[in-house]
PDB file of N, CA and C in Angstrom:
ATOM      1  N   MET A   1      14.201  31.563   8.901  1.00  0.00           N
ATOM      2  CA  MET A   1      14.563  32.653   8.072  1.00  0.00           C
ATOM      3  C   MET A   1      15.183  32.129   6.737  1.00  0.00           C
ATOM      4  N   LYS A   2      15.692  30.771   6.625  1.00  0.00           N
ATOM      5  CA  LYS A   2      15.948  30.182   5.470  1.00  0.00           C
ATOM      6  C   LYS A   2      14.839  29.779   4.535  1.00  0.00           C
ATOM      7  N   THR A   3      13.761  29.533   5.231  1.00  0.00           N
ATOM      8  CA  THR A   3      12.608  29.040   4.124  1.00  0.00           C
ATOM      9  C   THR A   3      12.001  30.436   3.858  1.00  0.00           C
ATOM     10  N   LEU A   4      12.093  31.507   4.564  1.00  0.00           N
ATOM     11  CA  LEU A   4      11.480  32.692   4.021  1.00  0.00           C
ATOM     12  C   LEU A   4      12.363  33.176   2.715  1.00  0.00           C
ATOM     13  N   ILE A   5      13.780  33.197   3.121  1.00  0.00           N
ATOM     14  CA  ILE A   5      14.558  33.529   1.856  1.00  0.00           C
ATOM     15  C   ILE A   5      14.271  32.605   0.693  1.00  0.00           C
ATOM     16  N   ARG A   6      14.238  31.414   0.889  1.00  0.00           N
ATOM     17  CA  ARG A   6      14.004  30.567  -0.319  1.00  0.00           C
ATOM     18  C   ARG A   6      12.665  30.793  -1.098  1.00  0.00           C
ATOM     19  N   TRP A   7      11.600  31.021  -0.122  1.00  0.00           N
ATOM     20  CA  TRP A   7      10.213  31.452  -0.526  1.00  0.00           C
ATOM     21  C   TRP A   7      10.329  32.806  -1.374  1.00  0.00           C
ATOM     22  N   LEU A   8      11.131  33.738  -1.120  1.00  0.00           N
ATOM     23  CA  LEU A   8      11.335  34.965  -1.816  1.00  0.00           C
ATOM     24  C   LEU A   8      11.952  34.598  -3.150  1.00  0.00           C
ATOM     25  N   ILE A   9      12.883  33.797  -2.972  1.00  0.00           N
ATOM     26  CA  ILE A   9      13.822  33.478  -4.153  1.00  0.00           C
ATOM     27  C   ILE A   9      12.841  32.810  -5.190  1.00  0.00           C
ATOM     28  N   ASN A  10      12.141  31.885  -4.706  1.00  0.00           N
ATOM     29  CA  ASN A  10      11.163  31.112  -5.543  1.00  0.00           C
ATOM     30  C   ASN A  10      10.276  32.238  -6.298  1.00  0.00           C
ATOM     31  N   SER A  11       9.844  33.068  -5.532  1.00  0.00           N
ATOM     32  CA  SER A  11       8.823  33.958  -5.930  1.00  0.00           C
ATOM     33  C   SER A  11       9.301  35.138  -6.966  1.00  0.00           C
ATOM     34  N   LEU A  12      10.778  35.405  -6.828  1.00  0.00           N
ATOM     35  CA  LEU A  12      11.455  36.008  -7.921  1.00  0.00           C
ATOM     36  C   LEU A  12      11.463  35.272  -9.181  1.00  0.00           C
ATOM     37  N   GLY A  13      11.854  33.933  -9.077  1.00  0.00           N
ATOM     38  CA  GLY A  13      11.829  33.133 -10.128  1.00  0.00           C
ATOM     39  C   GLY A  13      10.533  32.993 -10.809  1.00  0.00           C
ATOM     40  N   VAL A  14       9.484  32.668 -10.218  1.00  0.00           N
ATOM     41  CA  VAL A  14       8.166  32.766 -10.736  1.00  0.00           C
ATOM     42  C   VAL A  14       7.751  33.992 -11.802  1.00  0.00           C
ATOM     43  N   ILE A  15       8.062  35.249 -11.191  1.00  0.00           N
ATOM     44  CA  ILE A  15       7.774  36.365 -11.877  1.00  0.00           C
ATOM     45  C   ILE A  15       8.707  36.591 -12.992  1.00  0.00           C
ATOM     46  N   VAL A  16       9.912  36.374 -12.799  1.00  0.00           N
ATOM     47  CA  VAL A  16      10.827  36.349 -13.960  1.00  0.00           C
ATOM     48  C   VAL A  16      10.650  35.628 -15.113  1.00  0.00           C
ATOM     49  N   ILE A  17      10.298  34.445 -14.855  1.00  0.00           N
ATOM     50  CA  ILE A  17       9.997  33.238 -15.951  1.00  0.00           C
ATOM     51  C   ILE A  17       8.653  33.899 -16.443  1.00  0.00           C
ATOM     52  N   ALA A  18       7.562  34.121 -15.750  1.00  0.00           N
ATOM     53  CA  ALA A  18       6.424  34.869 -16.299  1.00  0.00           C
ATOM     54  C   ALA A  18       6.598  36.002 -17.292  1.00  0.00           C
ATOM     55  N   GLU A  19       7.488  37.089 -16.995  1.00  0.00           N
ATOM     56  CA  GLU A  19       7.648  38.025 -17.633  1.00  0.00           C
ATOM     57  C   GLU A  19       8.483  37.546 -19.089  1.00  0.00           C
ATOM     58  N   ILE A  20       9.253  36.511 -19.007  1.00  0.00           N
ATOM     59  CA  ILE A  20      10.090  36.173 -20.326  1.00  0.00           C
ATOM     60  C   ILE A  20       9.149  35.297 -21.211  1.00  0.00           C
ATOM     61  N   LEU A  21       8.283  34.338 -20.657  1.00  0.00           N
ATOM     62  CA  LEU A  21       7.409  33.287 -21.309  1.00  0.00           C
ATOM     63  C   LEU A  21       6.163  33.832 -21.594  1.00  0.00           C
ATOM     64  N   PRO A  22       5.951  34.018 -23.140  1.00  0.00           N
ATOM     65  CA  PRO A  22       4.586  34.283 -23.411  1.00  0.00           C
ATOM     66  C   PRO A  22       3.461  33.106 -22.992  1.00  0.00           C
ATOM     67  N   GLY A  23       2.443  33.751 -22.776  1.00  0.00           N
ATOM     68  CA  GLY A  23       1.329  32.782 -22.240  1.00  0.00           C
ATOM     69  C   GLY A  23       1.030  32.475 -21.016  1.00  0.00           C
ATOM     70  N   VAL A  24       2.076  33.233 -20.136  1.00  0.00           N
ATOM     71  CA  VAL A  24       1.915  33.300 -18.549  1.00  0.00           C
ATOM     72  C   VAL A  24       1.783  34.479 -18.147  1.00  0.00           C
ATOM     73  N   GLU A  25       0.895  34.704 -17.212  1.00  0.00           N
ATOM     74  CA  GLU A  25       0.573  36.079 -16.589  1.00  0.00           C
ATOM     75  C   GLU A  25       0.406  36.018 -15.400  1.00  0.00           C
ATOM     76  N   ILE A  26       1.195  36.992 -14.682  1.00  0.00           N
ATOM     77  CA  ILE A  26       1.352  37.198 -13.499  1.00  0.00           C
ATOM     78  C   ILE A  26       0.999  38.676 -12.891  1.00  0.00           C
ATOM     79  N   LYS A  27       0.026  39.069 -12.282  1.00  0.00           N
ATOM     80  CA  LYS A  27      -0.271  40.565 -12.076  1.00  0.00           C
ATOM     81  C   LYS A  27       0.668  41.111 -11.117  1.00  0.00           C
ATOM     82  N   SER A  28       1.262  40.735 -10.030  1.00  0.00           N
ATOM     83  CA  SER A  28       2.057  41.514  -9.148  1.00  0.00           C
ATOM     84  C   SER A  28       2.976  40.467  -8.486  1.00  0.00           C
ATOM     85  N   PHE A  29       3.666  40.952  -7.867  1.00  0.00           N
ATOM     86  CA  PHE A  29       4.898  40.161  -7.136  1.00  0.00           C
ATOM     87  C   PHE A  29       4.064  39.539  -5.736  1.00  0.00           C
ATOM     88  N   PHE A  30       2.974  40.103  -5.292  1.00  0.00           N
ATOM     89  CA  PHE A  30       2.153  39.344  -4.337  1.00  0.00           C
ATOM     90  C   PHE A  30       1.815  38.088  -4.830  1.00  0.00           C
ATOM     91  N   THR A  31       1.184  38.172  -6.080  1.00  0.00           N
ATOM     92  CA  THR A  31       0.737  36.957  -6.718  1.00  0.00           C
ATOM     93  C   THR A  31       1.678  36.005  -7.071  1.00  0.00           C
ATOM     94  N   ALA A  32       2.945  36.443  -7.283  1.00  0.00           N
ATOM     95  CA  ALA A  32       4.035  35.487  -7.423  1.00  0.00           C
ATOM     96  C   ALA A  32       4.394  34.773  -6.089  1.00  0.00           C
ATOM     97  N   MET A  33       4.191  35.745  -4.918  1.00  0.00           N
ATOM     98  CA  MET A  33       4.467  35.007  -3.873  1.00  0.00           C
ATOM     99  C   MET A  33       3.594  33.874  -3.452  1.00  0.00           C
ATOM    100  N   ALA A  34       2.182  34.065  -3.847  1.00  0.00           N
ATOM    101  CA  ALA A  34       1.120  33.240  -3.711  1.00  0.00           C
ATOM    102  C   ALA A  34       1.378  31.865  -4.614  1.00  0.00           C
ATOM    103  N   VAL A  35       1.870  31.922  -5.780  1.00  0.00           N
ATOM    104  CA  VAL A  35       2.112  31.012  -6.685  1.00  0.00           C
ATOM    105  C   VAL A  35       3.126  30.155  -6.184  1.00  0.00           C
ATOM    106  N   ALA A  36       4.366  30.838  -5.562  1.00  0.00           N
ATOM    107  CA  ALA A  36       5.515  30.056  -4.956  1.00  0.00           C
ATOM    108  C   ALA A  36       4.799  29.385  -3.916  1.00  0.00           C
ATOM    109  N   LEU A  37       4.049  29.735  -3.102  1.00  0.00           N
ATOM    110  CA  LEU A  37       3.537  28.964  -1.902  1.00  0.00           C
ATOM    111  C   LEU A  37       2.673  27.885  -2.346  1.00  0.00           C
ATOM    112  N   VAL A  38       1.851  28.270  -3.323  1.00  0.00           N
ATOM    113  CA  VAL A  38       0.785  27.096  -3.587  1.00  0.00           C
ATOM    114  C   VAL A  38       1.569  25.993  -4.383  1.00  0.00           C
ATOM    115  N   LEU A  39       2.596  26.390  -5.148  1.00  0.00           N
ATOM    116  CA  LEU A  39       3.408  25.430  -5.792  1.00  0.00           C
ATOM    117  C   LEU A  39       4.234  24.639  -4.752  1.00  0.00           C
ATOM    118  N   SER A  40       4.671  25.174  -3.838  1.00  0.00           N
ATOM    119  CA  SER A  40       5.277  24.521  -2.857  1.00  0.00           C
ATOM    120  C   SER A  40       4.323  23.347  -2.212  1.00  0.00           C
ATOM    121  N   ILE A  41       3.284  23.743  -1.852  1.00  0.00           N
ATOM    122  CA  ILE A  41       2.264  22.919  -1.087  1.00  0.00           C
ATOM    123  C   ILE A  41       1.867  21.865  -2.021  1.00  0.00           C
ATOM    124  N   LEU A  42       1.432  22.127  -3.489  1.00  0.00           N
ATOM    125  CA  LEU A  42       1.160  21.181  -4.230  1.00  0.00           C
ATOM    126  C   LEU A  42       2.318  20.160  -4.451  1.00  0.00           C
ATOM    127  N   ASN A  43       3.473  20.640  -4.553  1.00  0.00           N
ATOM    128  CA  ASN A  43       4.482  19.796  -4.751  1.00  0.00           C
ATOM    129  C   ASN A  43       4.776  18.808  -3.542  1.00  0.00           C
ATOM    130  N   LEU A  44       4.403  19.338  -2.407  1.00  0.00           N
ATOM    131  CA  LEU A  44       4.495  18.382  -1.185  1.00  0.00           C
ATOM    132  C   LEU A  44       3.458  17.456  -1.025  1.00  0.00           C
ATOM    133  N   ILE A  45       2.220  17.928  -1.353  1.00  0.00           N
ATOM    134  CA  ILE A  45       1.198  16.938  -1.142  1.00  0.00           C
ATOM    135  C   ILE A  45       0.700  16.158  -2.363  1.00  0.00           C
ATOM    136  N   VAL A  46       0.399  16.933  -3.457  1.00  0.00           N
ATOM    137  CA  VAL A  46      -0.398  16.469  -4.773  1.00  0.00           C
ATOM    138  C   VAL A  46       0.585  15.536  -5.542  1.00  0.00           C
ATOM    139  N   LYS A  47       1.960  16.243  -5.734  1.00  0.00           N
ATOM    140  CA  LYS A  47       2.898  15.643  -6.767  1.00  0.00           C
ATOM    141  C   LYS A  47       3.182  14.245  -6.331  1.00  0.00           C
ATOM    142  N   PRO A  48       3.541  13.750  -4.894  1.00  0.00           N
ATOM    143  CA  PRO A  48       3.701  12.432  -4.563  1.00  0.00           C
ATOM    144  C   PRO A  48       2.829  11.474  -4.897  1.00  0.00           C
ATOM    145  N   ILE A  49       1.495  11.967  -4.616  1.00  0.00           N
ATOM    146  CA  ILE A  49       0.296  11.001  -4.900  1.00  0.00           C
ATOM    147  C   ILE A  49       0.302  10.710  -6.626  1.00  0.00           C
ATOM    148  N   LEU A  50       0.356  11.732  -7.248  1.00  0.00           N
ATOM    149  CA  LEU A  50       0.330  11.700  -8.655  1.00  0.00           C
ATOM    150  C   LEU A  50       1.497  10.826  -9.359  1.00  0.00           C
ATOM    151  N   ILE A  51       2.843  10.969  -8.654  1.00  0.00           N
ATOM    152  CA  ILE A  51       3.821   9.997  -9.215  1.00  0.00           C
ATOM    153  C   ILE A  51       3.604   8.642  -8.760  1.00  0.00           C
ATOM    154  N   VAL A  52       2.969   8.362  -7.620  1.00  0.00           N
ATOM    155  CA  VAL A  52       2.607   6.778  -7.215  1.00  0.00           C
ATOM    156  C   VAL A  52       1.510   6.365  -8.215  1.00  0.00           C
ATOM    157  N   LEU A  53       0.623   7.202  -8.399  1.00  0.00           N
ATOM    158  CA  LEU A  53      -0.586   6.760  -9.253  1.00  0.00           C
ATOM    159  C   LEU A  53      -0.300   6.457 -10.759  1.00  0.00           C
ATOM    160  N   THR A  54       0.884   7.120 -11.147  1.00  0.00           N
ATOM    161  CA  THR A  54       1.274   7.055 -12.616  1.00  0.00           C
ATOM    162  C   THR A  54       2.636   6.280 -12.685  1.00  0.00           C
ATOM    163  N   LEU A  55       3.007   5.708 -11.588  1.00  0.00           N
ATOM    164  CA  LEU A  55       4.365   4.960 -11.628  1.00  0.00           C
ATOM    165  C   LEU A  55       4.539   4.166 -12.976  1.00  0.00           C
ATOM    166  N   PRO A  56       3.636   3.336 -13.265  1.00  0.00           N
ATOM    167  CA  PRO A  56       4.168   2.516 -14.482  1.00  0.00           C
ATOM    168  C   PRO A  56       4.248   3.126 -15.703  1.00  0.00           C
ATOM    169  N   ILE A  57       3.393   4.305 -16.046  1.00  0.00           N
ATOM    170  CA  ILE A  57       3.607   5.094 -17.251  1.00  0.00           C
ATOM    171  C   ILE A  57       5.098   5.901 -16.996  1.00  0.00           C
ATOM    172  N   THR A  58       5.408   6.280 -15.770  1.00  0.00           N
ATOM    173  CA  THR A  58       6.610   6.804 -15.763  1.00  0.00           C
ATOM    174  C   THR A  58       7.869   6.017 -15.822  1.00  0.00           C
ATOM    175  N   ILE A  59       7.562   5.029 -15.398  1.00  0.00           N
ATOM    176  CA  ILE A  59       8.798   3.826 -15.606  1.00  0.00           C
ATOM    177  C   ILE A  59       8.909   3.554 -17.076  1.00  0.00           C
ATOM    178  N   LEU A  60       7.886   3.351 -17.750  1.00  0.00           N
ATOM    179  CA  LEU A  60       7.818   3.113 -19.358  1.00  0.00           C
ATOM    180  C   LEU A  60       8.383   4.216 -20.039  1.00  0.00           C
ATOM    181  N   SER A  61       8.205   5.419 -19.737  1.00  0.00           N
ATOM    182  CA  SER A  61       8.676   6.563 -20.365  1.00  0.00           C
ATOM    183  C   SER A  61      10.109   7.140 -19.831  1.00  0.00           C
ATOM    184  N   LEU A  62      10.738   6.184 -18.906  1.00  0.00           N
ATOM    185  CA  LEU A  62      11.988   6.395 -18.504  1.00  0.00           C
ATOM    186  C   LEU A  62      12.057   7.759 -17.660  1.00  0.00           C
ATOM    187  N   GLY A  63      10.839   8.193 -17.127  1.00  0.00           N
ATOM    188  CA  GLY A  63      10.864   9.207 -16.190  1.00  0.00           C
ATOM    189  C   GLY A  63      10.266  10.581 -17.026  1.00  0.00           C
ATOM    190  N   ILE A  64      10.104  10.697 -18.163  1.00  0.00           N
ATOM    191  CA  ILE A  64       9.780  11.677 -18.955  1.00  0.00           C
ATOM    192  C   ILE A  64       8.446  12.113 -18.449  1.00  0.00           C
ATOM    193  N   PHE A  65       7.600  11.356 -18.218  1.00  0.00           N
ATOM    194  CA  PHE A  65       6.206  11.754 -17.747  1.00  0.00           C
ATOM    195  C   PHE A  65       6.257  12.371 -16.571  1.00  0.00           C
ATOM    196  N   LEU A  66       7.234  12.634 -15.977  1.00  0.00           N
ATOM    197  CA  LEU A  66       7.314  13.387 -14.459  1.00  0.00           C
ATOM    198  C   LEU A  66       7.330  14.973 -15.189  1.00  0.00           C
ATOM    199  N   LEU A  67       7.725  15.266 -16.213  1.00  0.00           N
ATOM    200  CA  LEU A  67       7.701  16.475 -16.812  1.00  0.00           C
ATOM    201  C   LEU A  67       6.115  17.008 -17.084  1.00  0.00           C
ATOM    202  N   ILE A  68       5.193  15.865 -17.417  1.00  0.00           N
ATOM    203  CA  ILE A  68       3.774  16.095 -17.712  1.00  0.00           C
ATOM    204  C   ILE A  68       3.330  16.421 -16.097  1.00  0.00           C
ATOM    205  N   ILE A  69       3.663  15.713 -15.265  1.00  0.00           N
ATOM    206  CA  ILE A  69       3.087  15.913 -13.870  1.00  0.00           C
ATOM    207  C   ILE A  69       3.568  17.195 -13.357  1.00  0.00           C
ATOM    208  N   ASN A  70       4.741  17.847 -13.755  1.00  0.00           N
ATOM    209  CA  ASN A  70       5.189  19.101 -13.345  1.00  0.00           C
ATOM    210  C   ASN A  70       4.330  20.158 -13.891  1.00  0.00           C
ATOM    211  N   ALA A  71       4.022  19.952 -15.216  1.00  0.00           N
ATOM    212  CA  ALA A  71       2.956  20.811 -15.925  1.00  0.00           C
ATOM    213  C   ALA A  71       1.590  20.928 -15.534  1.00  0.00           C
ATOM    214  N   LEU A  72       1.191  19.909 -15.103  1.00  0.00           N
ATOM    215  CA  LEU A  72      -0.142  19.575 -14.498  1.00  0.00           C
ATOM    216  C   LEU A  72      -0.374  20.238 -13.081  1.00  0.00           C
ATOM    217  N   ILE A  73       0.765  20.353 -12.433  1.00  0.00           N
ATOM    218  CA  ILE A  73       0.875  20.992 -11.119  1.00  0.00           C
ATOM    219  C   ILE A  73       0.913  22.344 -11.396  1.00  0.00           C
ATOM    220  N   ILE A  74       1.557  22.936 -12.343  1.00  0.00           N
ATOM    221  CA  ILE A  74       1.533  24.409 -12.625  1.00  0.00           C
ATOM    222  C   ILE A  74       0.096  24.790 -13.204  1.00  0.00           C
ATOM    223  N   GLN A  75      -0.524  23.997 -14.031  1.00  0.00           N
ATOM    224  CA  GLN A  75      -1.986  24.050 -14.477  1.00  0.00           C
ATOM    225  C   GLN A  75      -2.750  24.319 -13.327  1.00  0.00           C
ATOM    226  N   LEU A  76      -2.634  23.297 -12.238  1.00  0.00           N
ATOM    227  CA  LEU A  76      -3.555  23.311 -11.094  1.00  0.00           C
ATOM    228  C   LEU A  76      -3.348  24.722 -10.277  1.00  0.00           C
ATOM    229  N   ALA A  77      -1.974  24.968 -10.093  1.00  0.00           N
ATOM    230  CA  ALA A  77      -1.768  26.175  -9.395  1.00  0.00           C
ATOM    231  C   ALA A  77      -2.352  27.347 -10.033  1.00  0.00           C
ATOM    232  N   SER A  78      -2.515  27.410 -11.313  1.00  0.00           N
ATOM    233  CA  SER A  78      -2.911  28.555 -12.210  1.00  0.00           C
ATOM    234  C   SER A  78      -4.487  28.643 -11.772  1.00  0.00           C
ATOM    235  N   SER A  79      -5.151  27.317 -11.612  1.00  0.00           N
ATOM    236  CA  SER A  79      -6.504  27.408 -11.435  1.00  0.00           C
ATOM    237  C   SER A  79      -6.765  27.698 -10.004  1.00  0.00           C
ATOM    238  N   ILE A  80      -5.950  27.705  -9.093  1.00  0.00           N
ATOM    239  CA  ILE A  80      -6.060  28.016  -7.697  1.00  0.00           C
ATOM    240  C   ILE A  80      -5.845  29.441  -7.376  1.00  0.00           C
ATOM    241  N   VAL A  81      -4.741  29.895  -8.080  1.00  0.00           N
ATOM    242  CA  VAL A  81      -4.452  31.297  -7.654  1.00  0.00           C
ATOM    243  C   VAL A  81      -4.943  32.213  -8.483  1.00  0.00           C
ATOM    244  N   PRO A  82      -5.629  33.238  -7.959  1.00  0.00           N
ATOM    245  CA  PRO A  82      -6.298  34.462  -8.957  1.00  0.00           C
ATOM    246  C   PRO A  82      -4.915  35.193  -9.534  1.00  0.00           C
ATOM    247  N   ASN A  83      -5.226  35.653 -10.507  1.00  0.00           N
ATOM    248  CA  ASN A  83      -4.375  36.617 -11.365  1.00  0.00           C
ATOM    249  C   ASN A  83      -2.984  35.707 -11.714  1.00  0.00           C
ATOM    250  N   PHE A  84      -3.031  34.665 -11.734  1.00  0.00           N
ATOM    251  CA  PHE A  84      -1.956  33.643 -12.281  1.00  0.00           C
ATOM    252  C   PHE A  84      -2.551  32.946 -13.390  1.00  0.00           C
ATOM    253  N   MET A  85      -2.093  33.227 -14.755  1.00  0.00           N
ATOM    254  CA  MET A  85      -2.722  32.343 -15.807  1.00  0.00           C
ATOM    255  C   MET A  85      -1.829  31.678 -16.751  1.00  0.00           C
ATOM    256  N   VAL A  86      -2.061  30.537 -16.997  1.00  0.00           N
ATOM    257  CA  VAL A  86      -1.172  29.679 -18.075  1.00  0.00           C
ATOM    258  C   VAL A  86      -1.969  29.401 -19.112  1.00  0.00           C
ATOM    259  N   SER A  87      -1.664  29.915 -20.150  1.00  0.00           N
ATOM    260  CA  SER A  87      -2.393  29.453 -21.423  1.00  0.00           C
ATOM    261  C   SER A  87      -2.728  27.813 -22.030  1.00  0.00           C
ATOM    262  N   SER A  88      -1.725  27.252 -21.777  1.00  0.00           N
ATOM    263  CA  SER A  88      -1.875  25.906 -22.256  1.00  0.00           C
ATOM    264  C   SER A  88      -0.948  24.848 -21.305  1.00  0.00           C
ATOM    265  N   LEU A  89      -1.175  23.667 -21.741  1.00  0.00           N
ATOM    266  CA  LEU A  89      -0.190  22.568 -21.081  1.00  0.00           C
ATOM    267  C   LEU A  89       1.180  22.762 -21.542  1.00  0.00           C
ATOM    268  N   TRP A  90       1.420  22.944 -22.866  1.00  0.00           N
ATOM    269  CA  TRP A  90       2.716  23.000 -23.228  1.00  0.00           C
ATOM    270  C   TRP A  90       3.298  24.345 -22.647  1.00  0.00           C
ATOM    271  N   THR A  91       2.689  25.482 -22.546  1.00  0.00           N
ATOM    272  CA  THR A  91       3.263  26.517 -21.819  1.00  0.00           C
ATOM    273  C   THR A  91       3.538  26.194 -20.398  1.00  0.00           C
ATOM    274  N   ALA A  92       2.548  25.532 -19.867  1.00  0.00           N
ATOM    275  CA  ALA A  92       2.930  25.101 -18.349  1.00  0.00           C
ATOM    276  C   ALA A  92       4.219  24.035 -18.482  1.00  0.00           C
ATOM    277  N   LEU A  93       4.347  23.215 -19.281  1.00  0.00           N
ATOM    278  CA  LEU A  93       5.585  22.415 -19.381  1.00  0.00           C
ATOM    279  C   LEU A  93       6.925  23.289 -19.670  1.00  0.00           C
ATOM    280  N   ILE A  94       6.780  24.328 -20.466  1.00  0.00           N
ATOM    281  CA  ILE A  94       7.956  25.089 -20.631  1.00  0.00           C
ATOM    282  C   ILE A  94       8.371  25.804 -19.377  1.00  0.00           C
ATOM    283  N   TYR A  95       7.150  26.512 -18.911  1.00  0.00           N
ATOM    284  CA  TYR A  95       7.275  27.374 -17.501  1.00  0.00           C
ATOM    285  C   TYR A  95       8.055  26.560 -16.395  1.00  0.00           C
ATOM    286  N   SER A  96       7.684  25.254 -16.300  1.00  0.00           N
ATOM    287  CA  SER A  96       8.130  24.346 -15.313  1.00  0.00           C
ATOM    288  C   SER A  96       9.315  24.022 -15.386  1.00  0.00           C
ATOM    289  N   LEU A  97       9.818  23.692 -16.718  1.00  0.00           N
ATOM    290  CA  LEU A  97      11.332  23.599 -17.025  1.00  0.00           C
ATOM    291  C   LEU A  97      12.141  24.768 -16.590  1.00  0.00           C
ATOM    292  N   LEU A  98      11.652  25.895 -17.302  1.00  0.00           N
ATOM    293  CA  LEU A  98      12.591  27.136 -17.011  1.00  0.00           C
ATOM    294  C   LEU A  98      12.577  27.477 -15.334  1.00  0.00           C
ATOM    295  N   LEU A  99      11.258  27.286 -14.870  1.00  0.00           N
ATOM    296  CA  LEU A  99      11.375  27.806 -13.267  1.00  0.00           C
ATOM    297  C   LEU A  99      12.410  26.652 -12.689  1.00  0.00           C
ATOM    298  N   SER A 100      12.386  25.430 -13.030  1.00  0.00           N
ATOM    299  CA  SER A 100      13.399  24.482 -12.456  1.00  0.00           C
ATOM    300  C   SER A 100      14.789  24.996 -12.655  1.00  0.00           C
ATOM    301  N   VAL A 101      15.291  25.444 -13.737  1.00  0.00           N
ATOM    302  CA  VAL A 101      16.473  25.837 -13.915  1.00  0.00           C
ATOM    303  C   VAL A 101      16.721  27.026 -13.153  1.00  0.00           C
ATOM    304  N   MET A 102      15.796  28.221 -13.339  1.00  0.00           N
ATOM    305  CA  MET A 102      15.948  29.483 -12.548  1.00  0.00           C
ATOM    306  C   MET A 102      16.021  29.126 -10.879  1.00  0.00           C
ATOM    307  N   GLN A 103      15.306  28.278 -10.415  1.00  0.00           N
ATOM    308  CA  GLN A 103      15.332  28.024  -9.069  1.00  0.00           C
ATOM    309  C   GLN A 103      16.729  27.354  -8.756  1.00  0.00           C
ATOM    310  N   SER A 104      17.124  26.443  -9.291  1.00  0.00           N
ATOM    311  CA  SER A 104      18.440  25.826  -9.121  1.00  0.00           C
ATOM    312  C   SER A 104      19.566  26.901  -9.359  1.00  0.00           C
ATOM    313  N   PHE A 105      19.622  27.788 -10.360  1.00  0.00           N
ATOM    314  CA  PHE A 105      20.489  28.856 -10.322  1.00  0.00           C
ATOM    315  C   PHE A 105      20.541  29.711  -9.050  1.00  0.00           C
ATOM    316  N   LEU A 106      19.315  30.295  -8.746  1.00  0.00           N
ATOM    317  CA  LEU A 106      19.160  30.990  -7.770  1.00  0.00           C
ATOM    318  C   LEU A 106      19.614  30.520  -6.409  1.00  0.00           C
ATOM    319  N   GLN A 107      19.051  29.228  -6.294  1.00  0.00           N
ATOM    320  CA  GLN A 107      19.568  28.389  -4.936  1.00  0.00           C
ATOM    321  C   GLN A 107      21.039  28.419  -4.994  1.00  0.00           C
ATOM    322  N   GLY A 108      21.646  28.063  -5.936  1.00  0.00           N
ATOM    323  CA  GLY A 108      23.184  27.812  -5.901  1.00  0.00           C
ATOM    324  C   GLY A 108      23.913  29.094  -5.858  1.00  0.00           C
ATOM    325  N   LEU A 109      23.350  30.227  -6.356  1.00  0.00           N
ATOM    326  CA  LEU A 109      23.787  31.543  -6.084  1.00  0.00           C
ATOM    327  C   LEU A 109      23.688  31.812  -4.649  1.00  0.00           C
ATOM    328  N   PHE A 110      22.687  31.616  -4.066  1.00  0.00           N
ATOM    329  CA  PHE A 110      22.438  31.919  -2.722  1.00  0.00           C
ATOM    330  C   PHE A 110      23.412  31.199  -1.629  1.00  0.00           C
ATOM    331  N   GLU A 111      23.554  29.633  -2.173  1.00  0.00           N
ATOM    332  CA  GLU A 111      24.321  29.144  -0.997  1.00  0.00           C
ATOM    333  C   GLU A 111      25.734  29.328  -1.190  1.00  0.00           C
ATOM    334  N   THR A 112      26.220  29.641  -2.453  1.00  0.00           N
ATOM    335  CA  THR A 112      27.712  30.228  -2.763  1.00  0.00           C
ATOM    336  C   THR A 112      27.846  31.704  -1.916  1.00  0.00           C
ATOM    337  N   ASP A 113      26.902  32.325  -2.074  1.00  0.00           N
ATOM    338  CA  ASP A 113      27.004  33.671  -1.479  1.00  0.00           C
ATOM    339  C   ASP A 113      27.211  33.460   0.282  1.00  0.00           C
ATOM    340  N   ARG A 114      26.322  32.371   0.738  1.00  0.00           N
ATOM    341  CA  ARG A 114      26.253  32.259   1.965  1.00  0.00           C
ATOM    342  C   ARG A 114      27.618  31.574   2.616  1.00  0.00           C
ATOM    343  N   GLN A 115      28.146  30.901   1.666  1.00  0.00           N
ATOM    344  CA  GLN A 115      29.430  30.085   2.134  1.00  0.00           C
ATOM    345  C   GLN A 115      30.566  31.026   2.102  1.00  0.00           C
ATOM    346  N   ASP A 116      30.514  32.034   1.192  1.00  0.00           N
ATOM    347  CA  ASP A 116      31.535  32.951   1.109  1.00  0.00           C
ATOM    348  C   ASP A 116      31.407  33.890   2.557  1.00  0.00           C
ATOM    349  N   HIS A 117      30.251  33.975   3.064  1.00  0.00           N
ATOM    350  CA  HIS A 117      30.264  35.065   4.355  1.00  0.00           C
ATOM    351  C   HIS A 117      30.714  34.119   5.641  1.00  0.00           C
ATOM    352  N   GLU A 118      30.473  32.795   5.454  1.00  0.00           N
ATOM    353  CA  GLU A 118      30.863  31.911   6.744  1.00  0.00           C
ATOM    354  C   GLU A 118      32.549  31.790   6.893  1.00  0.00           C
ATOM    355  N   HIS A 119      33.105  32.034   5.824  1.00  0.00           N
ATOM    356  CA  HIS A 119      34.564  31.809   5.625  1.00  0.00           C
ATOM    357  C   HIS A 119      35.265  33.192   5.899  1.00  0.00           C
TER     358      HIS A 119
END
């Protein structure tokens, strides 16, 4: 149940940021759900491989290169999921930053709400 709620929260974040940011287009909430799922899978499988392969440049850049890896993951998701388009790598970078902030906010809100109901 917790995974399903997290997936829906991430889908909401995906579609809200796409509405705010020019250069990102999502056709429907179902597409946003697919994007959230694909991003989760890519972050689970592809991202660790990219981090290991680019470890020297990541260390030299003091971790800033991880932002580029996140943007590449967004671009890859854009090429996998139909009806999800990101116009450029810079747009993907901004999208990834905003999505991280939005997900952190929504997850924190969900956790706070859940703790209030437990007490």
